[in-house]
Amino acid sequence: MNEREKIGVVLFNLGGPDSLDAVKPFLFNLFNDPDIINFPLSFLFRTKLAKLISEKRSPKIIEQYKQIGGKSPLLELSQKQALALEAELNKSVNCKVYLAMRYWHPFTEETMEQIRNDGIDKIIFLPLYPQYSVSTTGSSKNEWDKVIEKFPKIKRIKSALINNYHDFPAYIDSIVEGINKTLQIFPESELNNVVLLFSSHGTPVKLVKQGDPYKEQIECSVKCVMERGKFIQKHYLSFQSKVGPQKWIEPKTPDMIEKLAYEGEKYLLVIPIAFVSDHLETLFEIGIEFRHLAKEKGIVQFEVMQGLNDSPLFIKALKELVLNKLEELNGRD
């Protein structure tokens, strides 16, 4: 490897509103994405539909953000991840880590403007989505490929995408560590009675039928975590955050919580398996909404595993992924 060459690592993520005023335009950007709203002839009225949905949903979502501090913590957490990863990578290579958010600042184009001025020689794309979906990693990469037409200099840079890492051992280890830490909150006498509920962002059934690997990769991640952690507790997988009238994959997380409570379970640990950073879905939807539901239905103790955020084990996993992909890219030279 050329020691002088400078590596750019681009972290893909959805982004999140950095103020209450940003909620409505953030939602508009989300629902105006053709990788999110995609059905026959949707291109004819996608923008109008996105405007309608964002106007209708924003008052409710604003109230949710008020309950977790008035904004999404996603940008700050992603910045911490970027700084920690950059520090680790610079022990091995000359590297700079960037954020490219899909629906709020810093947008892909803003990131490219930075890269253009930084003398980057090679680029590694690292999604902060361990499991691949066309609506997450696919959408971020599609946006990059679209915007790059404005940056011919960047277009000439050799690049490689880390497609997924749903079963990557170091990533699995970071989840196992998070579960073990959270289990310590429960009474020692009840540890075997704790139910592990893996909750993942849902996806439309249509995408699964079209071959999107997300659901299969989520299931694989859960299997790897249970095996690697040698957990003996009962475990289940469910899905949350359904939007719109389409049929989404099931079971729904609230339904699963009710079912477990009805069956007499009293101790519940929810693991946000598809989310690497805390944000609205973990802090409000699971941490407030689902917690209230669980208590109402008779769950005695309800705990949520904190997002991986900038945990050293997770940063180690990201470092290994980048170095592996860089070695593969250099092998093509």
C-alpha atoms as a PDB file:
ATOM      1  CA  MET A   1       0.000   0.000   0.000  1.00  0.00           C
ATOM      2  CA  ASN A   2       1.261   3.469  -0.862  1.00  0.00           C
ATOM      3  CA  GLU A   3       1.835   5.156   2.502  1.00  0.00           C
ATOM      4  CA  ARG A   4       1.283   8.578   0.988  1.00  0.00           C
ATOM      5  CA  GLU A   5      -2.109   7.797  -0.504  1.00  0.00           C
ATOM      6  CA  LYS A   6      -5.042   9.291   1.357  1.00  0.00           C
ATOM      7  CA  ILE A   7      -8.116   7.170   1.969  1.00  0.00           C
ATOM      8  CA  GLY A   8     -11.577   8.647   2.301  1.00  0.00           C
ATOM      9  CA  VAL A   9     -14.169   6.653   4.240  1.00  0.00           C
ATOM     10  CA  VAL A  10     -17.752   7.766   3.664  1.00  0.00           C
ATOM     11  CA  LEU A  11     -20.266   6.750   6.327  1.00  0.00           C
ATOM     12  CA  PHE A  12     -23.769   6.444   4.899  1.00  0.00           C
ATOM     13  CA  ASN A  13     -26.730   7.079   7.184  1.00  0.00           C
ATOM     14  CA  LEU A  14     -30.291   8.402   7.001  1.00  0.00           C
ATOM     15  CA  GLY A  15     -29.664  11.571   9.001  1.00  0.00           C
ATOM     16  CA  GLY A  16     -32.189  13.180  11.295  1.00  0.00           C
ATOM     17  CA  PRO A  17     -33.737  16.593  11.978  1.00  0.00           C
ATOM     18  CA  ASP A  18     -31.391  18.803  14.005  1.00  0.00           C
ATOM     19  CA  SER A  19     -34.260  20.982  15.268  1.00  0.00           C
ATOM     20  CA  LEU A  20     -38.047  20.874  15.491  1.00  0.00           C
ATOM     21  CA  ASP A  21     -38.226  23.184  12.461  1.00  0.00           C
ATOM     22  CA  ALA A  22     -36.284  20.600  10.460  1.00  0.00           C
ATOM     23  CA  VAL A  23     -38.783  17.772  11.061  1.00  0.00           C
ATOM     24  CA  LYS A  24     -41.147  18.652   8.212  1.00  0.00           C
ATOM     25  CA  PRO A  25     -38.475  19.138   5.501  1.00  0.00           C
ATOM     26  CA  PHE A  26     -36.690  15.995   6.748  1.00  0.00           C
ATOM     27  CA  LEU A  27     -39.903  13.979   6.311  1.00  0.00           C
ATOM     28  CA  PHE A  28     -40.436  15.521   2.873  1.00  0.00           C
ATOM     29  CA  ASN A  29     -36.942  14.446   1.780  1.00  0.00           C
ATOM     30  CA  LEU A  30     -37.584  10.943   3.121  1.00  0.00           C
ATOM     31  CA  PHE A  31     -40.890  10.405   1.339  1.00  0.00           C
ATOM     32  CA  ASN A  32     -39.698  12.096  -1.855  1.00  0.00           C
ATOM     33  CA  ASP A  33     -37.041   9.391  -2.284  1.00  0.00           C
ATOM     34  CA  PRO A  34     -37.894   7.046  -5.203  1.00  0.00           C
ATOM     35  CA  ASP A  35     -36.305   4.196  -3.225  1.00  0.00           C
ATOM     36  CA  ILE A  36     -38.920   4.774  -0.495  1.00  0.00           C
ATOM     37  CA  ILE A  37     -42.056   5.698  -2.485  1.00  0.00           C
ATOM     38  CA  ASN A  38     -41.935   3.376  -5.462  1.00  0.00           C
ATOM     39  CA  PHE A  39     -44.966   1.943  -7.202  1.00  0.00           C
ATOM     40  CA  PRO A  40     -46.216   2.062 -10.808  1.00  0.00           C
ATOM     41  CA  LEU A  41     -46.340   5.661 -12.105  1.00  0.00           C
ATOM     42  CA  SER A  42     -45.380   7.029  -8.655  1.00  0.00           C
ATOM     43  CA  PHE A  43     -42.904   9.369 -10.331  1.00  0.00           C
ATOM     44  CA  LEU A  44     -45.858  11.370 -11.656  1.00  0.00           C
ATOM     45  CA  PHE A  45     -46.994  12.537  -8.226  1.00  0.00           C
ATOM     46  CA  ARG A  46     -44.276  11.462  -5.739  1.00  0.00           C
ATOM     47  CA  THR A  47     -43.372  15.050  -4.823  1.00  0.00           C
ATOM     48  CA  LYS A  48     -47.000  16.026  -4.135  1.00  0.00           C
ATOM     49  CA  LEU A  49     -47.495  12.864  -2.118  1.00  0.00           C
ATOM     50  CA  ALA A  50     -44.307  13.522  -0.110  1.00  0.00           C
ATOM     51  CA  LYS A  51     -45.529  17.038   0.654  1.00  0.00           C
ATOM     52  CA  LEU A  52     -48.916  15.724   1.777  1.00  0.00           C
ATOM     53  CA  ILE A  53     -47.424  12.996   4.004  1.00  0.00           C
ATOM     54  CA  SER A  54     -44.856  15.326   5.590  1.00  0.00           C
ATOM     55  CA  GLU A  55     -47.515  17.938   6.360  1.00  0.00           C
ATOM     56  CA  LYS A  56     -49.825  15.335   7.865  1.00  0.00           C
ATOM     57  CA  ARG A  57     -47.193  13.505   9.905  1.00  0.00           C
ATOM     58  CA  SER A  58     -44.972  16.346  11.079  1.00  0.00           C
ATOM     59  CA  PRO A  59     -47.135  17.583  14.044  1.00  0.00           C
ATOM     60  CA  LYS A  60     -47.124  14.086  15.588  1.00  0.00           C
ATOM     61  CA  ILE A  61     -43.411  13.519  14.901  1.00  0.00           C
ATOM     62  CA  ILE A  62     -42.530  16.963  16.327  1.00  0.00           C
ATOM     63  CA  GLU A  63     -44.231  15.968  19.584  1.00  0.00           C
ATOM     64  CA  GLN A  64     -42.182  12.760  19.650  1.00  0.00           C
ATOM     65  CA  TYR A  65     -38.927  14.663  19.135  1.00  0.00           C
ATOM     66  CA  LYS A  66     -39.880  17.030  21.965  1.00  0.00           C
ATOM     67  CA  GLN A  67     -39.855  14.024  24.288  1.00  0.00           C
ATOM     68  CA  ILE A  68     -36.269  13.063  23.372  1.00  0.00           C
ATOM     69  CA  GLY A  69     -34.702  16.498  23.562  1.00  0.00           C
ATOM     70  CA  GLY A  70     -36.137  18.451  20.633  1.00  0.00           C
ATOM     71  CA  LYS A  71     -33.998  16.969  17.870  1.00  0.00           C
ATOM     72  CA  SER A  72     -32.458  13.761  16.590  1.00  0.00           C
ATOM     73  CA  PRO A  73     -29.192  12.741  18.288  1.00  0.00           C
ATOM     74  CA  LEU A  74     -28.191  10.881  15.117  1.00  0.00           C
ATOM     75  CA  LEU A  75     -25.832  13.521  13.713  1.00  0.00           C
ATOM     76  CA  GLU A  76     -23.892  13.941  16.956  1.00  0.00           C
ATOM     77  CA  LEU A  77     -23.634  10.182  17.442  1.00  0.00           C
ATOM     78  CA  SER A  78     -22.524   9.698  13.823  1.00  0.00           C
ATOM     79  CA  GLN A  79     -19.902  12.432  14.258  1.00  0.00           C
ATOM     80  CA  LYS A  80     -18.561  10.602  17.320  1.00  0.00           C
ATOM     81  CA  GLN A  81     -18.432   7.373  15.317  1.00  0.00           C
ATOM     82  CA  ALA A  82     -16.593   9.145  12.490  1.00  0.00           C
ATOM     83  CA  LEU A  83     -14.004  10.699  14.813  1.00  0.00           C
ATOM     84  CA  ALA A  84     -13.403   7.443  16.696  1.00  0.00           C
ATOM     85  CA  LEU A  85     -13.097   5.454  13.459  1.00  0.00           C
ATOM     86  CA  GLU A  86     -10.758   8.030  11.917  1.00  0.00           C
ATOM     87  CA  ALA A  87      -8.486   7.909  14.964  1.00  0.00           C
ATOM     88  CA  GLU A  88      -8.342   4.110  14.818  1.00  0.00           C
ATOM     89  CA  LEU A  89      -7.780   3.931  11.070  1.00  0.00           C
ATOM     90  CA  ASN A  90      -4.991   6.507  11.167  1.00  0.00           C
ATOM     91  CA  LYS A  91      -2.960   4.034  13.189  1.00  0.00           C
ATOM     92  CA  SER A  92      -2.783   1.968   9.982  1.00  0.00           C
ATOM     93  CA  VAL A  93      -3.463   4.254   6.996  1.00  0.00           C
ATOM     94  CA  ASN A  94      -3.666   7.932   6.076  1.00  0.00           C
ATOM     95  CA  CYS A  95      -7.393   8.420   6.334  1.00  0.00           C
ATOM     96  CA  LYS A  96     -10.243  10.906   6.663  1.00  0.00           C
ATOM     97  CA  VAL A  97     -13.800   9.868   7.571  1.00  0.00           C
ATOM     98  CA  TYR A  98     -16.840  11.717   6.221  1.00  0.00           C
ATOM     99  CA  LEU A  99     -20.591  11.589   6.825  1.00  0.00           C
ATOM    100  CA  ALA A 100     -23.062  11.488   3.939  1.00  0.00           C
ATOM    101  CA  MET A 101     -26.623  11.686   5.244  1.00  0.00           C
ATOM    102  CA  ARG A 102     -29.510  10.800   2.998  1.00  0.00           C
ATOM    103  CA  TYR A 103     -32.317  13.071   4.204  1.00  0.00           C
ATOM    104  CA  TRP A 104     -30.696  15.839   6.244  1.00  0.00           C
ATOM    105  CA  HIS A 105     -27.377  17.648   6.610  1.00  0.00           C
ATOM    106  CA  PRO A 106     -24.640  16.888   5.771  1.00  0.00           C
ATOM    107  CA  PHE A 107     -26.138  15.817   2.437  1.00  0.00           C
ATOM    108  CA  THR A 108     -24.165  13.801  -0.115  1.00  0.00           C
ATOM    109  CA  GLU A 109     -23.373  16.869  -2.205  1.00  0.00           C
ATOM    110  CA  GLU A 110     -21.949  18.707   0.832  1.00  0.00           C
ATOM    111  CA  THR A 111     -19.726  15.699   1.534  1.00  0.00           C
ATOM    112  CA  MET A 112     -18.493  15.576  -2.046  1.00  0.00           C
ATOM    113  CA  GLU A 113     -17.495  19.238  -1.864  1.00  0.00           C
ATOM    114  CA  GLN A 114     -15.324  18.381   1.131  1.00  0.00           C
ATOM    115  CA  ILE A 115     -13.770  15.382  -0.587  1.00  0.00           C
ATOM    116  CA  ARG A 116     -13.012  17.397  -3.724  1.00  0.00           C
ATOM    117  CA  ASN A 117     -10.774  19.695  -1.690  1.00  0.00           C
ATOM    118  CA  ASP A 118      -9.057  17.053   0.451  1.00  0.00           C
ATOM    119  CA  GLY A 119      -6.889  15.210  -2.092  1.00  0.00           C
ATOM    120  CA  ILE A 120      -8.475  11.816  -1.532  1.00  0.00           C
ATOM    121  CA  ASP A 121      -6.982   8.947  -3.585  1.00  0.00           C
ATOM    122  CA  LYS A 122      -9.422   6.116  -2.795  1.00  0.00           C
ATOM    123  CA  ILE A 123     -12.889   5.951  -1.270  1.00  0.00           C
ATOM    124  CA  ILE A 124     -14.506   3.243   0.860  1.00  0.00           C
ATOM    125  CA  PHE A 125     -18.275   3.499   1.376  1.00  0.00           C
ATOM    126  CA  LEU A 126     -19.298   2.206   4.801  1.00  0.00           C
ATOM    127  CA  PRO A 127     -23.065   2.152   5.451  1.00  0.00           C
ATOM    128  CA  LEU A 128     -24.161   2.467   9.056  1.00  0.00           C
ATOM    129  CA  TYR A 129     -26.762  -0.126   8.073  1.00  0.00           C
ATOM    130  CA  PRO A 130     -25.317  -3.592   8.845  1.00  0.00           C
ATOM    131  CA  GLN A 131     -28.066  -5.295   6.832  1.00  0.00           C
ATOM    132  CA  TYR A 132     -28.484  -4.302   3.183  1.00  0.00           C
ATOM    133  CA  SER A 133     -31.751  -2.944   1.828  1.00  0.00           C
ATOM    134  CA  VAL A 134     -32.503  -1.063  -1.351  1.00  0.00           C
ATOM    135  CA  SER A 135     -34.244   1.546   0.837  1.00  0.00           C
ATOM    136  CA  THR A 136     -31.162   2.230   3.003  1.00  0.00           C
ATOM    137  CA  THR A 137     -27.729   1.318   1.603  1.00  0.00           C
ATOM    138  CA  GLY A 138     -29.181   1.137  -1.896  1.00  0.00           C
ATOM    139  CA  SER A 139     -30.747   4.580  -1.634  1.00  0.00           C
ATOM    140  CA  SER A 140     -27.568   6.170  -0.242  1.00  0.00           C
ATOM    141  CA  LYS A 141     -25.424   4.672  -3.003  1.00  0.00           C
ATOM    142  CA  ASN A 142     -27.947   5.661  -5.678  1.00  0.00           C
ATOM    143  CA  GLU A 143     -27.838   9.239  -4.400  1.00  0.00           C
ATOM    144  CA  TRP A 144     -24.030   9.197  -4.491  1.00  0.00           C
ATOM    145  CA  ASP A 145     -24.024   7.912  -8.069  1.00  0.00           C
ATOM    146  CA  LYS A 146     -26.494  10.615  -9.091  1.00  0.00           C
ATOM    147  CA  VAL A 147     -24.726  13.548  -7.430  1.00  0.00           C
ATOM    148  CA  ILE A 148     -21.242  12.478  -8.541  1.00  0.00           C
ATOM    149  CA  GLU A 149     -22.055  13.587 -12.095  1.00  0.00           C
ATOM    150  CA  LYS A 150     -21.434  17.130 -10.808  1.00  0.00           C
ATOM    151  CA  PHE A 151     -17.967  16.131  -9.564  1.00  0.00           C
ATOM    152  CA  PRO A 152     -15.951  14.598 -12.432  1.00  0.00           C
ATOM    153  CA  LYS A 153     -12.763  14.736 -10.335  1.00  0.00           C
ATOM    154  CA  ILE A 154     -14.320  12.528  -7.647  1.00  0.00           C
ATOM    155  CA  LYS A 155     -15.818  10.233 -10.267  1.00  0.00           C
ATOM    156  CA  ARG A 156     -12.296   9.256 -11.305  1.00  0.00           C
ATOM    157  CA  ILE A 157     -11.361   8.134  -7.770  1.00  0.00           C
ATOM    158  CA  LYS A 158     -11.301   4.361  -7.238  1.00  0.00           C
ATOM    159  CA  SER A 159     -13.969   3.322  -4.761  1.00  0.00           C
ATOM    160  CA  ALA A 160     -15.593   0.276  -3.177  1.00  0.00           C
ATOM    161  CA  LEU A 161     -18.805  -0.304  -1.233  1.00  0.00           C
ATOM    162  CA  ILE A 162     -19.069  -2.442   1.902  1.00  0.00           C
ATOM    163  CA  ASN A 163     -22.408  -3.937   0.950  1.00  0.00           C
ATOM    164  CA  ASN A 164     -23.349  -5.366   4.357  1.00  0.00           C
ATOM    165  CA  TYR A 165     -21.807  -6.816   7.515  1.00  0.00           C
ATOM    166  CA  HIS A 166     -24.795  -8.465   9.140  1.00  0.00           C
ATOM    167  CA  ASP A 167     -22.799 -11.563  10.146  1.00  0.00           C
ATOM    168  CA  PHE A 168     -19.351  -9.985  10.556  1.00  0.00           C
ATOM    169  CA  PRO A 169     -17.904 -11.456  13.795  1.00  0.00           C
ATOM    170  CA  ALA A 170     -16.633  -8.176  15.280  1.00  0.00           C
ATOM    171  CA  TYR A 171     -20.027  -6.522  14.665  1.00  0.00           C
ATOM    172  CA  ILE A 172     -21.818  -9.478  16.260  1.00  0.00           C
ATOM    173  CA  ASP A 173     -19.433  -9.245  19.247  1.00  0.00           C
ATOM    174  CA  SER A 174     -20.419  -5.615  19.795  1.00  0.00           C
ATOM    175  CA  ILE A 175     -24.103  -6.590  20.040  1.00  0.00           C
ATOM    176  CA  VAL A 176     -23.315  -9.496  22.362  1.00  0.00           C
ATOM    177  CA  GLU A 177     -21.440  -7.063  24.601  1.00  0.00           C
ATOM    178  CA  GLY A 178     -24.429  -4.685  24.610  1.00  0.00           C
ATOM    179  CA  ILE A 179     -26.835  -7.462  25.561  1.00  0.00           C
ATOM    180  CA  ASN A 180     -24.585  -8.706  28.374  1.00  0.00           C
ATOM    181  CA  LYS A 181     -24.266  -5.180  29.788  1.00  0.00           C
ATOM    182  CA  THR A 182     -28.023  -4.688  29.755  1.00  0.00           C
ATOM    183  CA  LEU A 183     -28.714  -8.095  31.300  1.00  0.00           C
ATOM    184  CA  GLN A 184     -26.773  -6.916  34.370  1.00  0.00           C
ATOM    185  CA  ILE A 185     -29.660  -4.535  35.139  1.00  0.00           C
ATOM    186  CA  PHE A 186     -32.031  -7.458  35.779  1.00  0.00           C
ATOM    187  CA  PRO A 187     -32.124  -9.362  39.099  1.00  0.00           C
ATOM    188  CA  GLU A 188     -29.555 -12.148  38.976  1.00  0.00           C
ATOM    189  CA  SER A 189     -32.197 -14.628  40.123  1.00  0.00           C
ATOM    190  CA  GLU A 190     -34.330 -13.819  37.062  1.00  0.00           C
ATOM    191  CA  LEU A 191     -31.674 -13.811  34.317  1.00  0.00           C
ATOM    192  CA  ASN A 192     -32.865 -17.071  32.775  1.00  0.00           C
ATOM    193  CA  ASN A 193     -36.416 -15.687  32.685  1.00  0.00           C
ATOM    194  CA  VAL A 194     -35.529 -12.591  30.676  1.00  0.00           C
ATOM    195  CA  VAL A 195     -36.945 -12.698  27.145  1.00  0.00           C
ATOM    196  CA  LEU A 196     -34.683 -11.276  24.439  1.00  0.00           C
ATOM    197  CA  LEU A 197     -36.795  -9.414  21.881  1.00  0.00           C
ATOM    198  CA  PHE A 198     -34.852  -8.338  18.798  1.00  0.00           C
ATOM    199  CA  SER A 199     -36.688  -5.397  17.251  1.00  0.00           C
ATOM    200  CA  SER A 200     -35.861  -4.280  13.738  1.00  0.00           C
ATOM    201  CA  HIS A 201     -37.152  -1.560  11.455  1.00  0.00           C
ATOM    202  CA  GLY A 202     -39.751  -3.172   9.234  1.00  0.00           C
ATOM    203  CA  THR A 203     -39.924  -3.176   5.455  1.00  0.00           C
ATOM    204  CA  PRO A 204     -42.769  -3.678   2.939  1.00  0.00           C
ATOM    205  CA  VAL A 205     -43.527  -7.299   2.036  1.00  0.00           C
ATOM    206  CA  LYS A 206     -43.298  -6.204  -1.592  1.00  0.00           C
ATOM    207  CA  LEU A 207     -39.566  -5.487  -1.221  1.00  0.00           C
ATOM    208  CA  VAL A 208     -38.926  -8.931   0.258  1.00  0.00           C
ATOM    209  CA  LYS A 209     -40.797 -10.571  -2.634  1.00  0.00           C
ATOM    210  CA  GLN A 210     -38.679  -8.540  -5.062  1.00  0.00           C
ATOM    211  CA  GLY A 211     -35.542 -10.067  -3.564  1.00  0.00           C
ATOM    212  CA  ASP A 212     -34.468  -7.448  -1.045  1.00  0.00           C
ATOM    213  CA  PRO A 213     -32.159  -9.370   1.373  1.00  0.00           C
ATOM    214  CA  TYR A 214     -32.860  -7.215   4.437  1.00  0.00           C
ATOM    215  CA  LYS A 215     -35.262  -9.563   6.286  1.00  0.00           C
ATOM    216  CA  GLU A 216     -33.062 -12.607   5.652  1.00  0.00           C
ATOM    217  CA  GLN A 217     -29.964 -10.740   6.848  1.00  0.00           C
ATOM    218  CA  ILE A 218     -31.749  -9.545  10.001  1.00  0.00           C
ATOM    219  CA  GLU A 219     -32.696 -13.139  10.788  1.00  0.00           C
ATOM    220  CA  CYS A 220     -29.095 -14.192  10.209  1.00  0.00           C
ATOM    221  CA  SER A 221     -27.816 -11.446  12.561  1.00  0.00           C
ATOM    222  CA  VAL A 222     -30.141 -12.661  15.321  1.00  0.00           C
ATOM    223  CA  LYS A 223     -29.001 -16.263  14.831  1.00  0.00           C
ATOM    224  CA  CYS A 224     -25.319 -15.215  14.962  1.00  0.00           C
ATOM    225  CA  VAL A 225     -25.851 -13.154  18.132  1.00  0.00           C
ATOM    226  CA  MET A 226     -27.620 -15.988  19.936  1.00  0.00           C
ATOM    227  CA  GLU A 227     -24.919 -18.498  18.959  1.00  0.00           C
ATOM    228  CA  ARG A 228     -21.910 -16.251  19.589  1.00  0.00           C
ATOM    229  CA  GLY A 229     -23.296 -14.987  22.906  1.00  0.00           C
ATOM    230  CA  LYS A 230     -24.316 -18.502  24.005  1.00  0.00           C
ATOM    231  CA  PHE A 231     -27.555 -17.020  25.313  1.00  0.00           C
ATOM    232  CA  ILE A 232     -29.967 -19.544  26.770  1.00  0.00           C
ATOM    233  CA  GLN A 233     -32.920 -17.164  27.146  1.00  0.00           C
ATOM    234  CA  LYS A 234     -36.014 -17.328  24.935  1.00  0.00           C
ATOM    235  CA  HIS A 235     -35.670 -14.983  21.994  1.00  0.00           C
ATOM    236  CA  TYR A 236     -37.935 -13.539  19.311  1.00  0.00           C
ATOM    237  CA  LEU A 237     -37.667 -11.199  16.334  1.00  0.00           C
ATOM    238  CA  SER A 238     -40.228  -8.505  15.545  1.00  0.00           C
ATOM    239  CA  PHE A 239     -40.516  -5.380  13.397  1.00  0.00           C
ATOM    240  CA  GLN A 240     -41.414  -1.760  14.086  1.00  0.00           C
ATOM    241  CA  SER A 241     -41.939   1.676  12.483  1.00  0.00           C
ATOM    242  CA  LYS A 242     -44.509   0.754   9.828  1.00  0.00           C
ATOM    243  CA  VAL A 243     -45.471   3.640   7.555  1.00  0.00           C
ATOM    244  CA  GLY A 244     -48.259   3.784   4.975  1.00  0.00           C
ATOM    245  CA  PRO A 245     -50.974   1.361   3.846  1.00  0.00           C
ATOM    246  CA  GLN A 246     -48.737  -1.326   2.302  1.00  0.00           C
ATOM    247  CA  LYS A 247     -48.437  -4.714   3.985  1.00  0.00           C
ATOM    248  CA  TRP A 248     -45.194  -4.854   6.001  1.00  0.00           C
ATOM    249  CA  ILE A 249     -43.321  -7.837   7.380  1.00  0.00           C
ATOM    250  CA  GLU A 250     -44.526  -9.137  10.731  1.00  0.00           C
ATOM    251  CA  PRO A 251     -44.830  -9.751  13.651  1.00  0.00           C
ATOM    252  CA  LYS A 252     -45.064  -6.140  14.802  1.00  0.00           C
ATOM    253  CA  THR A 253     -43.084  -5.313  17.929  1.00  0.00           C
ATOM    254  CA  PRO A 254     -46.106  -3.952  19.892  1.00  0.00           C
ATOM    255  CA  ASP A 255     -48.071  -7.115  19.054  1.00  0.00           C
ATOM    256  CA  MET A 256     -45.174  -9.267  20.225  1.00  0.00           C
ATOM    257  CA  ILE A 257     -44.909  -7.352  23.515  1.00  0.00           C
ATOM    258  CA  GLU A 258     -48.631  -7.879  24.128  1.00  0.00           C
ATOM    259  CA  LYS A 259     -48.343 -11.581  23.253  1.00  0.00           C
ATOM    260  CA  LEU A 260     -45.420 -12.132  25.613  1.00  0.00           C
ATOM    261  CA  ALA A 261     -47.200 -10.302  28.431  1.00  0.00           C
ATOM    262  CA  TYR A 262     -50.345 -12.380  27.834  1.00  0.00           C
ATOM    263  CA  GLU A 263     -48.230 -15.544  28.047  1.00  0.00           C
ATOM    264  CA  GLY A 264     -47.000 -14.454  31.481  1.00  0.00           C
ATOM    265  CA  GLU A 265     -43.521 -13.159  30.694  1.00  0.00           C
ATOM    266  CA  LYS A 266     -42.392 -10.521  33.201  1.00  0.00           C
ATOM    267  CA  TYR A 267     -38.862  -9.577  32.144  1.00  0.00           C
ATOM    268  CA  LEU A 268     -38.162  -8.185  28.700  1.00  0.00           C
ATOM    269  CA  LEU A 269     -34.957  -6.946  27.072  1.00  0.00           C
ATOM    270  CA  VAL A 270     -35.460  -5.253  23.692  1.00  0.00           C
ATOM    271  CA  ILE A 271     -32.454  -5.277  21.351  1.00  0.00           C
ATOM    272  CA  PRO A 272     -32.591  -2.809  18.418  1.00  0.00           C
ATOM    273  CA  ILE A 273     -30.774  -5.192  16.095  1.00  0.00           C
ATOM    274  CA  ALA A 274     -30.872  -3.135  12.873  1.00  0.00           C
ATOM    275  CA  PHE A 275     -29.992   0.230  14.437  1.00  0.00           C
ATOM    276  CA  VAL A 276     -26.359   1.037  15.231  1.00  0.00           C
ATOM    277  CA  SER A 277     -27.117   4.507  16.642  1.00  0.00           C
ATOM    278  CA  ASP A 278     -29.809   5.707  19.017  1.00  0.00           C
ATOM    279  CA  HIS A 279     -32.471   7.884  17.391  1.00  0.00           C
ATOM    280  CA  LEU A 280     -36.250   8.368  17.375  1.00  0.00           C
ATOM    281  CA  GLU A 281     -37.065   4.677  16.833  1.00  0.00           C
ATOM    282  CA  THR A 282     -34.976   3.522  19.795  1.00  0.00           C
ATOM    283  CA  LEU A 283     -35.379   6.454  22.197  1.00  0.00           C
ATOM    284  CA  PHE A 284     -39.054   7.259  21.661  1.00  0.00           C
ATOM    285  CA  GLU A 285     -40.734   4.335  19.913  1.00  0.00           C
ATOM    286  CA  ILE A 286     -39.073   1.597  21.979  1.00  0.00           C
ATOM    287  CA  GLY A 287     -37.907   3.557  25.019  1.00  0.00           C
ATOM    288  CA  ILE A 288     -41.134   5.452  25.677  1.00  0.00           C
ATOM    289  CA  GLU A 289     -44.052   4.072  23.617  1.00  0.00           C
ATOM    290  CA  PHE A 290     -43.273   0.364  23.862  1.00  0.00           C
ATOM    291  CA  ARG A 291     -42.127   0.703  27.485  1.00  0.00           C
ATOM    292  CA  HIS A 292     -45.512   2.213  28.390  1.00  0.00           C
ATOM    293  CA  LEU A 293     -47.315  -0.588  26.539  1.00  0.00           C
ATOM    294  CA  ALA A 294     -45.249  -3.257  28.313  1.00  0.00           C
ATOM    295  CA  LYS A 295     -45.954  -1.789  31.741  1.00  0.00           C
ATOM    296  CA  GLU A 296     -49.646  -1.476  30.915  1.00  0.00           C
ATOM    297  CA  LYS A 297     -49.766  -5.166  29.911  1.00  0.00           C
ATOM    298  CA  GLY A 298     -48.018  -6.434  33.034  1.00  0.00           C
ATOM    299  CA  ILE A 299     -44.315  -6.639  32.165  1.00  0.00           C
ATOM    300  CA  VAL A 300     -42.461  -6.098  35.457  1.00  0.00           C
ATOM    301  CA  GLN A 301     -39.114  -4.982  34.022  1.00  0.00           C
ATOM    302  CA  PHE A 302     -38.587  -3.606  30.515  1.00  0.00           C
ATOM    303  CA  GLU A 303     -35.073  -2.665  29.396  1.00  0.00           C
ATOM    304  CA  VAL A 304     -33.686  -1.467  26.063  1.00  0.00           C
ATOM    305  CA  MET A 305     -30.153  -2.179  24.900  1.00  0.00           C
ATOM    306  CA  GLN A 306     -28.406   1.097  24.132  1.00  0.00           C
ATOM    307  CA  GLY A 307     -27.400   1.610  20.514  1.00  0.00           C
ATOM    308  CA  LEU A 308     -23.865   0.567  19.587  1.00  0.00           C
ATOM    309  CA  ASN A 309     -23.056   4.245  18.972  1.00  0.00           C
ATOM    310  CA  ASP A 310     -19.277   4.721  19.418  1.00  0.00           C
ATOM    311  CA  SER A 311     -18.611   1.656  21.579  1.00  0.00           C
ATOM    312  CA  PRO A 312     -14.967   0.571  21.138  1.00  0.00           C
ATOM    313  CA  LEU A 313     -15.963  -2.916  19.957  1.00  0.00           C
ATOM    314  CA  PHE A 314     -18.224  -1.494  17.269  1.00  0.00           C
ATOM    315  CA  ILE A 315     -15.570   0.975  16.120  1.00  0.00           C
ATOM    316  CA  LYS A 316     -13.115  -1.947  15.982  1.00  0.00           C
ATOM    317  CA  ALA A 317     -15.584  -3.791  13.734  1.00  0.00           C
ATOM    318  CA  LEU A 318     -15.875  -0.795  11.405  1.00  0.00           C
ATOM    319  CA  LYS A 319     -12.087  -0.458  11.261  1.00  0.00           C
ATOM    320  CA  GLU A 320     -11.691  -4.120  10.301  1.00  0.00           C
ATOM    321  CA  LEU A 321     -14.356  -3.782   7.617  1.00  0.00           C
ATOM    322  CA  VAL A 322     -12.630  -0.761   6.069  1.00  0.00           C
ATOM    323  CA  LEU A 323      -9.159  -2.314   6.107  1.00  0.00           C
ATOM    324  CA  ASN A 324     -10.487  -5.552   4.597  1.00  0.00           C
ATOM    325  CA  LYS A 325     -12.276  -3.684   1.804  1.00  0.00           C
ATOM    326  CA  LEU A 326      -9.224  -1.482   1.201  1.00  0.00           C
ATOM    327  CA  GLU A 327      -7.034  -4.549   0.833  1.00  0.00           C
ATOM    328  CA  GLU A 328      -9.538  -5.940  -1.669  1.00  0.00           C
ATOM    329  CA  LEU A 329      -9.567  -2.627  -3.578  1.00  0.00           C
ATOM    330  CA  ASN A 330      -5.770  -2.449  -3.638  1.00  0.00           C
ATOM    331  CA  GLY A 331      -5.710  -5.982  -5.022  1.00  0.00           C
ATOM    332  CA  ARG A 332      -7.490  -4.654  -8.113  1.00  0.00           C
ATOM    333  CA  ASP A 333      -4.669  -2.156  -8.843  1.00  0.00           C
END
